[in-house]
Amino acid sequence: MARINGPVWKVSRRLQFSILETGEEFAGKRPRTTAPGKAPDARPAKLTNYGQQLREKQRIRFTYGVNERQFYNLYLKAQHLKGNTGHNFLFLLESRLDNVVYRMNLARTRRAARQLVNHGHILVDGQKVDIPSFLVKPGAVISVKEASRNIPAIKEALEATVSTKNYVTFDKEALKGTFVRLPERAELNDQVNEALVVEYYNR
């Protein structure tokens, strides 16, 4: 399975983790926190060490919406960087253009952000880039192409904006922002354990 093409909420329940990072999948009057096909009060199966590592890999992979090959290649790249491999891995995932567009609140989900990039609506330092996996360097300026400024999806996403991450800035009027720096680990999802992914690939 390369990407999630079906119901996101069902995958979130299977992994016992909010892929959208909002908790929406488990909210509502009758939230379902158990895996699909399981009784609401079913006791979760106890995972082996390998099972925990695999589940954590899937949680992170599905959160960022990348396929297995992209995920592994990015991990290999993180291995060759100085510092903590797990942290570097998350920082590289955060540096993907589709994720930066999402962090700037130009799209409500990473899937929607990936579509904006694929359709050529996004510029990096004034040049059109239509590759979602493009790694954005700190200091790069991300903007919306002039002809794409009135796209309803972008307007809706910006209207729903509450805040942005500290490592990006964005001007709603100019539809332009900057990927200021790489994030710090404390600024990312504290519910994931990237060390398990490192163990998975090093087993």
C-alpha atoms as a PDB file:
ATOM      1  CA  MET A   1       0.000   0.000   0.000  1.00  0.00           C
ATOM      2  CA  ALA A   2       1.633   3.212  -1.140  1.00  0.00           C
ATOM      3  CA  ARG A   3      -0.701   5.842   0.233  1.00  0.00           C
ATOM      4  CA  ILE A   4      -4.049   5.974   1.964  1.00  0.00           C
ATOM      5  CA  ASN A   5      -6.665   6.000  -0.784  1.00  0.00           C
ATOM      6  CA  GLY A   6      -9.517   4.871   1.449  1.00  0.00           C
ATOM      7  CA  PRO A   7     -11.035   6.178   4.692  1.00  0.00           C
ATOM      8  CA  VAL A   8      -8.365   7.869   6.776  1.00  0.00           C
ATOM      9  CA  TRP A   9     -10.326   7.349   9.978  1.00  0.00           C
ATOM     10  CA  LYS A  10     -10.371   3.574   9.523  1.00  0.00           C
ATOM     11  CA  VAL A  11      -6.582   3.499   9.182  1.00  0.00           C
ATOM     12  CA  SER A  12      -6.243   5.739  12.246  1.00  0.00           C
ATOM     13  CA  ARG A  13      -8.362   3.351  14.287  1.00  0.00           C
ATOM     14  CA  ARG A  14      -6.328   0.371  13.097  1.00  0.00           C
ATOM     15  CA  LEU A  15      -3.097   2.081  14.124  1.00  0.00           C
ATOM     16  CA  GLN A  16      -4.628   3.580  17.294  1.00  0.00           C
ATOM     17  CA  PHE A  17      -3.222   6.945  16.278  1.00  0.00           C
ATOM     18  CA  SER A  18      -4.523  10.204  14.797  1.00  0.00           C
ATOM     19  CA  ILE A  19      -2.979  10.392  11.337  1.00  0.00           C
ATOM     20  CA  LEU A  20      -4.462  13.874  10.914  1.00  0.00           C
ATOM     21  CA  GLU A  21      -2.776  14.895  14.196  1.00  0.00           C
ATOM     22  CA  THR A  22      -6.020  16.558  15.271  1.00  0.00           C
ATOM     23  CA  GLY A  23      -7.774  13.718  17.076  1.00  0.00           C
ATOM     24  CA  GLU A  24     -10.830  14.155  14.815  1.00  0.00           C
ATOM     25  CA  GLU A  25     -10.862  10.464  14.019  1.00  0.00           C
ATOM     26  CA  PHE A  26     -11.668   9.601  17.629  1.00  0.00           C
ATOM     27  CA  ALA A  27     -14.032  12.498  18.411  1.00  0.00           C
ATOM     28  CA  GLY A  28     -17.811  12.627  18.304  1.00  0.00           C
ATOM     29  CA  LYS A  29     -20.729  11.368  20.345  1.00  0.00           C
ATOM     30  CA  ARG A  30     -19.812   7.730  19.793  1.00  0.00           C
ATOM     31  CA  PRO A  31     -16.053   7.671  19.191  1.00  0.00           C
ATOM     32  CA  ARG A  32     -14.620   4.406  17.916  1.00  0.00           C
ATOM     33  CA  THR A  33     -11.148   3.817  19.259  1.00  0.00           C
ATOM     34  CA  THR A  34     -10.890   0.116  18.503  1.00  0.00           C
ATOM     35  CA  ALA A  35      -9.607  -1.308  15.235  1.00  0.00           C
ATOM     36  CA  PRO A  36     -12.113  -1.894  12.399  1.00  0.00           C
ATOM     37  CA  GLY A  37     -13.876  -5.240  12.756  1.00  0.00           C
ATOM     38  CA  LYS A  38     -13.313  -5.365  16.517  1.00  0.00           C
ATOM     39  CA  ALA A  39     -15.961  -5.000  19.186  1.00  0.00           C
ATOM     40  CA  PRO A  40     -15.995  -1.520  20.837  1.00  0.00           C
ATOM     41  CA  ASP A  41     -14.916  -3.003  24.173  1.00  0.00           C
ATOM     42  CA  ALA A  42     -12.381  -5.454  22.717  1.00  0.00           C
ATOM     43  CA  ARG A  43      -9.043  -5.631  24.463  1.00  0.00           C
ATOM     44  CA  PRO A  44      -6.195  -4.612  22.119  1.00  0.00           C
ATOM     45  CA  ALA A  45      -3.823  -7.384  21.148  1.00  0.00           C
ATOM     46  CA  LYS A  46      -0.426  -7.332  22.820  1.00  0.00           C
ATOM     47  CA  LEU A  47       2.246  -6.553  20.252  1.00  0.00           C
ATOM     48  CA  THR A  48       5.695  -8.085  20.018  1.00  0.00           C
ATOM     49  CA  ASN A  49       8.726  -5.803  19.801  1.00  0.00           C
ATOM     50  CA  TYR A  50       8.653  -6.204  16.033  1.00  0.00           C
ATOM     51  CA  GLY A  51       4.926  -5.418  15.996  1.00  0.00           C
ATOM     52  CA  GLN A  52       5.495  -2.199  17.943  1.00  0.00           C
ATOM     53  CA  GLN A  53       8.276  -1.155  15.589  1.00  0.00           C
ATOM     54  CA  LEU A  54       6.179  -1.896  12.507  1.00  0.00           C
ATOM     55  CA  ARG A  55       3.159  -0.042  13.886  1.00  0.00           C
ATOM     56  CA  GLU A  56       5.252   3.031  14.684  1.00  0.00           C
ATOM     57  CA  LYS A  57       6.715   2.998  11.185  1.00  0.00           C
ATOM     58  CA  GLN A  58       3.219   2.842   9.710  1.00  0.00           C
ATOM     59  CA  ARG A  59       1.969   5.622  11.977  1.00  0.00           C
ATOM     60  CA  ILE A  60       4.676   8.009  10.817  1.00  0.00           C
ATOM     61  CA  ARG A  61       4.532   6.921   7.175  1.00  0.00           C
ATOM     62  CA  PHE A  62       0.791   7.363   6.901  1.00  0.00           C
ATOM     63  CA  THR A  63       0.893  10.665   8.781  1.00  0.00           C
ATOM     64  CA  TYR A  64       3.212  12.161   6.174  1.00  0.00           C
ATOM     65  CA  GLY A  65       1.537  10.296   3.314  1.00  0.00           C
ATOM     66  CA  VAL A  66       4.633   8.807   1.704  1.00  0.00           C
ATOM     67  CA  ASN A  67       5.104   5.437   0.084  1.00  0.00           C
ATOM     68  CA  GLU A  68       7.401   2.754   1.420  1.00  0.00           C
ATOM     69  CA  ARG A  69      10.287   3.455  -0.962  1.00  0.00           C
ATOM     70  CA  GLN A  70      10.262   7.209  -0.283  1.00  0.00           C
ATOM     71  CA  PHE A  71      10.074   6.550   3.433  1.00  0.00           C
ATOM     72  CA  TYR A  72      13.046   4.184   3.444  1.00  0.00           C
ATOM     73  CA  ASN A  73      15.167   6.359   1.143  1.00  0.00           C
ATOM     74  CA  LEU A  74      14.574   9.338   3.412  1.00  0.00           C
ATOM     75  CA  TYR A  75      15.618   7.193   6.376  1.00  0.00           C
ATOM     76  CA  LEU A  76      18.871   6.281   4.605  1.00  0.00           C
ATOM     77  CA  LYS A  77      19.498   9.971   3.994  1.00  0.00           C
ATOM     78  CA  ALA A  78      18.923  10.688   7.711  1.00  0.00           C
ATOM     79  CA  GLN A  79      21.488   8.043   8.623  1.00  0.00           C
ATOM     80  CA  HIS A  80      24.216  10.012   6.864  1.00  0.00           C
ATOM     81  CA  LEU A  81      23.479  13.263   8.687  1.00  0.00           C
ATOM     82  CA  LYS A  82      25.168  14.267  11.905  1.00  0.00           C
ATOM     83  CA  GLY A  83      23.184  13.891  15.089  1.00  0.00           C
ATOM     84  CA  ASN A  84      20.279  11.685  16.143  1.00  0.00           C
ATOM     85  CA  THR A  85      19.100   9.578  13.201  1.00  0.00           C
ATOM     86  CA  GLY A  86      15.493   9.436  14.398  1.00  0.00           C
ATOM     87  CA  HIS A  87      15.297  13.189  14.884  1.00  0.00           C
ATOM     88  CA  ASN A  88      16.951  13.871  11.537  1.00  0.00           C
ATOM     89  CA  PHE A  89      14.458  11.537   9.899  1.00  0.00           C
ATOM     90  CA  LEU A  90      11.499  13.516  11.242  1.00  0.00           C
ATOM     91  CA  PHE A  91      13.160  16.796  10.245  1.00  0.00           C
ATOM     92  CA  LEU A  92      13.558  15.550   6.665  1.00  0.00           C
ATOM     93  CA  LEU A  93       9.895  14.514   6.559  1.00  0.00           C
ATOM     94  CA  GLU A  94       8.952  17.979   7.799  1.00  0.00           C
ATOM     95  CA  SER A  95      11.112  19.512   5.044  1.00  0.00           C
ATOM     96  CA  ARG A  96       9.081  17.921   2.237  1.00  0.00           C
ATOM     97  CA  LEU A  97       7.374  20.585   0.145  1.00  0.00           C
ATOM     98  CA  ASP A  98       3.896  19.126   0.608  1.00  0.00           C
ATOM     99  CA  ASN A  99       4.383  19.172   4.371  1.00  0.00           C
ATOM    100  CA  VAL A 100       5.713  22.754   4.393  1.00  0.00           C
ATOM    101  CA  VAL A 101       2.670  23.861   2.369  1.00  0.00           C
ATOM    102  CA  TYR A 102       0.488  22.099   4.943  1.00  0.00           C
ATOM    103  CA  ARG A 103       2.344  23.711   7.864  1.00  0.00           C
ATOM    104  CA  MET A 104       1.755  27.125   6.275  1.00  0.00           C
ATOM    105  CA  ASN A 105      -1.974  26.319   6.365  1.00  0.00           C
ATOM    106  CA  LEU A 106      -2.428  26.551   2.609  1.00  0.00           C
ATOM    107  CA  ALA A 107      -4.223  23.213   2.824  1.00  0.00           C
ATOM    108  CA  ARG A 108      -6.245  21.541   5.560  1.00  0.00           C
ATOM    109  CA  THR A 109      -4.567  18.155   5.124  1.00  0.00           C
ATOM    110  CA  ARG A 110      -1.267  16.911   3.762  1.00  0.00           C
ATOM    111  CA  ARG A 111      -3.154  15.100   1.027  1.00  0.00           C
ATOM    112  CA  ALA A 112      -4.679  18.409  -0.103  1.00  0.00           C
ATOM    113  CA  ALA A 113      -1.256  20.083   0.123  1.00  0.00           C
ATOM    114  CA  ARG A 114       0.244  17.360  -2.061  1.00  0.00           C
ATOM    115  CA  GLN A 115      -2.468  18.008  -4.647  1.00  0.00           C
ATOM    116  CA  LEU A 116      -1.696  21.746  -4.702  1.00  0.00           C
ATOM    117  CA  VAL A 117       1.957  20.971  -5.369  1.00  0.00           C
ATOM    118  CA  ASN A 118       1.200  18.326  -7.990  1.00  0.00           C
ATOM    119  CA  HIS A 119      -1.025  20.747  -9.906  1.00  0.00           C
ATOM    120  CA  GLY A 120       1.707  23.377 -10.057  1.00  0.00           C
ATOM    121  CA  HIS A 121       0.134  25.988  -7.780  1.00  0.00           C
ATOM    122  CA  ILE A 122       3.181  26.399  -5.524  1.00  0.00           C
ATOM    123  CA  LEU A 123       6.414  28.328  -6.088  1.00  0.00           C
ATOM    124  CA  VAL A 124       9.700  27.858  -4.230  1.00  0.00           C
ATOM    125  CA  ASP A 125      11.897  30.939  -4.387  1.00  0.00           C
ATOM    126  CA  GLY A 126       9.839  32.110  -7.361  1.00  0.00           C
ATOM    127  CA  GLN A 127      10.162  28.872  -9.337  1.00  0.00           C
ATOM    128  CA  LYS A 128       7.336  26.395  -9.867  1.00  0.00           C
ATOM    129  CA  VAL A 129       7.967  23.079  -8.138  1.00  0.00           C
ATOM    130  CA  ASP A 130       5.429  20.306  -8.696  1.00  0.00           C
ATOM    131  CA  ILE A 131       7.239  17.540  -6.816  1.00  0.00           C
ATOM    132  CA  PRO A 132       5.716  16.960  -3.344  1.00  0.00           C
ATOM    133  CA  SER A 133       8.845  15.169  -2.095  1.00  0.00           C
ATOM    134  CA  PHE A 134      11.074  18.156  -2.923  1.00  0.00           C
ATOM    135  CA  LEU A 135      13.130  18.953   0.199  1.00  0.00           C
ATOM    136  CA  VAL A 136      12.811  22.608   1.146  1.00  0.00           C
ATOM    137  CA  LYS A 137      15.928  24.246   2.546  1.00  0.00           C
ATOM    138  CA  PRO A 138      15.759  26.631   5.519  1.00  0.00           C
ATOM    139  CA  GLY A 139      15.311  30.187   4.283  1.00  0.00           C
ATOM    140  CA  ALA A 140      13.360  29.171   1.166  1.00  0.00           C
ATOM    141  CA  VAL A 141      10.326  31.301   0.302  1.00  0.00           C
ATOM    142  CA  ILE A 142       7.114  29.438  -0.506  1.00  0.00           C
ATOM    143  CA  SER A 143       4.340  31.257  -2.365  1.00  0.00           C
ATOM    144  CA  VAL A 144       1.172  30.642  -4.325  1.00  0.00           C
ATOM    145  CA  LYS A 145       1.320  31.196  -8.073  1.00  0.00           C
ATOM    146  CA  GLU A 146      -0.445  34.405  -9.115  1.00  0.00           C
ATOM    147  CA  ALA A 147      -2.995  32.552 -11.250  1.00  0.00           C
ATOM    148  CA  SER A 148      -3.840  30.251  -8.328  1.00  0.00           C
ATOM    149  CA  ARG A 149      -4.483  32.853  -5.638  1.00  0.00           C
ATOM    150  CA  ASN A 150      -8.279  32.502  -5.801  1.00  0.00           C
ATOM    151  CA  ILE A 151      -8.494  28.747  -5.406  1.00  0.00           C
ATOM    152  CA  PRO A 152     -11.402  28.099  -2.958  1.00  0.00           C
ATOM    153  CA  ALA A 153      -9.553  25.309  -1.126  1.00  0.00           C
ATOM    154  CA  ILE A 154      -6.693  27.673  -0.254  1.00  0.00           C
ATOM    155  CA  LYS A 155      -9.078  30.375   0.966  1.00  0.00           C
ATOM    156  CA  GLU A 156     -10.982  27.873   3.108  1.00  0.00           C
ATOM    157  CA  ALA A 157      -7.779  26.515   4.631  1.00  0.00           C
ATOM    158  CA  LEU A 158      -6.507  29.998   5.503  1.00  0.00           C
ATOM    159  CA  GLU A 159      -9.855  30.987   7.028  1.00  0.00           C
ATOM    160  CA  ALA A 160      -9.678  27.925   9.278  1.00  0.00           C
ATOM    161  CA  THR A 161      -6.128  28.765  10.396  1.00  0.00           C
ATOM    162  CA  VAL A 162      -5.590  29.016  14.127  1.00  0.00           C
ATOM    163  CA  SER A 163      -1.804  29.201  14.282  1.00  0.00           C
ATOM    164  CA  THR A 164       1.352  28.149  12.477  1.00  0.00           C
ATOM    165  CA  LYS A 165       4.445  26.345  13.653  1.00  0.00           C
ATOM    166  CA  ASN A 166       7.311  28.518  14.869  1.00  0.00           C
ATOM    167  CA  TYR A 167       9.647  27.273  12.164  1.00  0.00           C
ATOM    168  CA  VAL A 168       7.507  28.717   9.354  1.00  0.00           C
ATOM    169  CA  THR A 169       6.107  32.178   8.717  1.00  0.00           C
ATOM    170  CA  PHE A 170       3.258  33.073   6.404  1.00  0.00           C
ATOM    171  CA  ASP A 171       1.645  36.280   5.169  1.00  0.00           C
ATOM    172  CA  LYS A 172      -2.027  35.640   4.363  1.00  0.00           C
ATOM    173  CA  GLU A 173      -2.319  38.776   2.269  1.00  0.00           C
ATOM    174  CA  ALA A 174       0.723  38.113   0.107  1.00  0.00           C
ATOM    175  CA  LEU A 175       0.178  34.328   0.163  1.00  0.00           C
ATOM    176  CA  LYS A 176       3.869  33.976   0.784  1.00  0.00           C
ATOM    177  CA  GLY A 177       5.860  32.441   3.622  1.00  0.00           C
ATOM    178  CA  THR A 178       9.297  31.269   4.656  1.00  0.00           C
ATOM    179  CA  PHE A 179      10.566  27.943   5.888  1.00  0.00           C
ATOM    180  CA  VAL A 180      12.630  29.675   8.546  1.00  0.00           C
ATOM    181  CA  ARG A 181      14.513  26.723  10.001  1.00  0.00           C
ATOM    182  CA  LEU A 182      14.411  23.028  10.685  1.00  0.00           C
ATOM    183  CA  PRO A 183      12.049  22.202  13.544  1.00  0.00           C
ATOM    184  CA  GLU A 184      13.151  21.130  16.979  1.00  0.00           C
ATOM    185  CA  ARG A 185      12.028  17.717  18.199  1.00  0.00           C
ATOM    186  CA  ALA A 186       9.891  19.281  20.931  1.00  0.00           C
ATOM    187  CA  GLU A 187       7.870  21.090  18.240  1.00  0.00           C
ATOM    188  CA  LEU A 188       6.786  17.860  16.567  1.00  0.00           C
ATOM    189  CA  ASN A 189       4.264  15.190  17.490  1.00  0.00           C
ATOM    190  CA  ASP A 190       5.169  13.818  20.923  1.00  0.00           C
ATOM    191  CA  GLN A 191       2.966  10.763  20.375  1.00  0.00           C
ATOM    192  CA  VAL A 192       5.355   9.149  17.909  1.00  0.00           C
ATOM    193  CA  ASN A 193       8.478   7.254  18.867  1.00  0.00           C
ATOM    194  CA  GLU A 194      10.921   7.577  15.990  1.00  0.00           C
ATOM    195  CA  ALA A 195      13.451   5.439  17.893  1.00  0.00           C
ATOM    196  CA  LEU A 196      11.267   2.407  17.133  1.00  0.00           C
ATOM    197  CA  VAL A 197      11.597   3.145  13.409  1.00  0.00           C
ATOM    198  CA  VAL A 198      15.366   3.228  13.771  1.00  0.00           C
ATOM    199  CA  GLU A 199      15.188  -0.141  15.562  1.00  0.00           C
ATOM    200  CA  TYR A 200      12.916  -1.497  12.822  1.00  0.00           C
ATOM    201  CA  TYR A 201      15.384  -0.691  10.046  1.00  0.00           C
ATOM    202  CA  ASN A 202      18.411  -1.785  12.086  1.00  0.00           C
ATOM    203  CA  ARG A 203      17.016  -5.140  13.170  1.00  0.00           C
END
